[in-house]
Amino acid sequence: MVWTNVASGGGPFSSKLKNPDVESIESWWYLPYDQLNLGLLPQEESIGIILIESEKQARRRPYHKQKLCYILSNMRHFAIETQEKGIPVLYATTTEQYGEPLRDLAKQVGPISMLRAAERELRTTLKPLIDEGHLIEHEHTGWLTPQTWFTETVGTEPPFRMDRFYRRVRKEKGWLMEGDSPVGGKFSHDADNRQPWKGEHQPPNAPEYEVDELDEEVINLVNHLFHEHPGTARLNHLPTSDGDHNKALEFLSEILLYFGPYEDAMTKESRGLFHSRLASSVNIHRILPQEVIDVVVKAKIPLNSQEGYLRQMIWREYVHHVHEVTDGFNRLNISSTVPENRTAGWPMELALDSTSHPNHLKQTRSLPMAYWGQSSGMDCLDWAVESVMDEAWTHHIPRLMVLSNLAQLMDIEPRELTDWFHAAFVDAFDWVVEPNVLGMGTFALGDAMMTKPYVSGTPYIKKMGDFCNSCSFHPTKTCPISSMYWAYFERHKTSFQGNHRLAMTLRTLEKRAPEKKLQDAETFQWVMNTLAQGVSLDPQTSLWPKT
């Protein structure tokens, strides 16, 4: 046997589990790590739940210790909560992948039902069992929208654009609608939601949670089995029990009032500002998406905050559909390359991967250790990475306009950056991280999802954050980011020819003086060479190509 029934052990978790009477159960359901909600299942009598911890899956990437703690502790809390509802639970651990214990169990109890896996990786792992009839796949009921809404409004081939899908969802669901017209007369309130935060409207403190004996047991397990993984194992800032997730959902009401205007703002004074931090709960379905929607549409708050948050939830549906209809972009004819490794630069041995991955601009540089916590000397980057290393989280603007933006400007291999996001963020799963990083955070998919790359120089970061106040680089005199911005467009200008949204940028680039272009290129090389050596950038160094 390649798996162990946890109920046979003696630890805090094992001692709470009961051995189910297998023969008395008519219908067994396997719930993966991201389907931890009984509300997803049909209301049947005499059902049993199967949950499996896979050590091999946990070693698939250099997953942040907090992500491993979060998944494992939520699975264990859900198991006990399910058992307390009178539903038998068979909880197994294996050193192998999920398929091995499921095949053994199916031979004992007959075919096992499951909802369609959200992650393509898991679907690939379990496909042989579905083909063999050991697993019976059912529709995943956790999504808010059917795929037909996407295919009928967006299609199945690129370019994929969200607006028509967004309007379709609003109309079909009636969210913030008066008949066929949007409340307030327009569908988008983005123009009202781009304010920097200057200290007004003090953001609430993020929730903290009691660490119970199940959490402690998982923390010890992760420190023992996965000690070589990055980050510190802790759970006081992450919800694991049903009560914790209720508390997390209540926090949504505390931030909604000012979410809209400051959703694009960044500050060193508050990592979360007015962001709800709910993605981790929703992406493993401890909180159902509809529960979030219900709070948002009923809230007595300004329309721009309602619409802004609603847009985030519909974007979540949109990227899921993009990932599904393209089979994780494998059905797209996109320029691709084979990454040198899949460790995202973390010193850890992983299985080699000879698969090619989207890479429209042929960016091949390795991710520097600055993304794992080594100082880069750029305060914006170091602050964002510190947040990720400390909490396995930061909100969507540091992800897009600092972490992804700077990686693009450094020509980091897109798959390597995506692997870093997948490993480092507690809420990252392939269906959400790949569209957001390959399609939006980088330009790896070309114009399949975005009309132009999301890149910026120093002005945007200075406007929307306060990092320049404490950085060793002066935002207008010595900061290398704007030079890297122009060097990026100079290197890739042929790829952007004919892109009307970049016409002005390319005209400005063409007028840029030759000596400025030379300095741009030298700055790029200086940044890359310095960070590749694990050295922090210093504006005082004689090697820096000053103006």
Foldseek 3Di string as FASTA:
>chain_A
DQKDFLCVDDAPLNVLADDDPLVQADAEAEAELQALDPVQDDPDPRYAYEYEAELCVVQQALFALQLQLQSVLQVSQSQSVCVVVVHHYGYMYGPHDPQPVLVVVCVVRNAHEYEPDLFLVVCVVCVVCVVVRNYDYDHGPQAPDDLCLLCVQQNLFDQGECPRSQLSSCQVVVQCDDNSAHPVRDLAPLVQQAAADDPPPFADDQAFADQDSSSVVSQVVCCVSVVLRAAHHDDRRPDRHLVSLVVLLVLLLRQLQNCRNQVQFAELVDQARSHSPCLLCCSSPSPGLVSNLVCLSPHPHDPRSSSVVVVVSVVLVVLSSNCVSCVNVVVPPADWDQAPQLHLPRPDDHDGDRDTDQARQPQHDGRFCCLRQQAALQQLSNSLSVCLNHPLDGHDNSVQAPLLQVCLLLSHRQSSSLSSNQRRHSNDGSSPSSCCRCVASHCSRPSSHHLDHPYDFLPSCVRRYPRCVPGLAHSPFGDLRVLSVLLSCVSRVVSCPPSVVCVVVVVVSVPDDPVSNVLSVQQSVVSSVQSNVSHHDHSPDPSRSGD
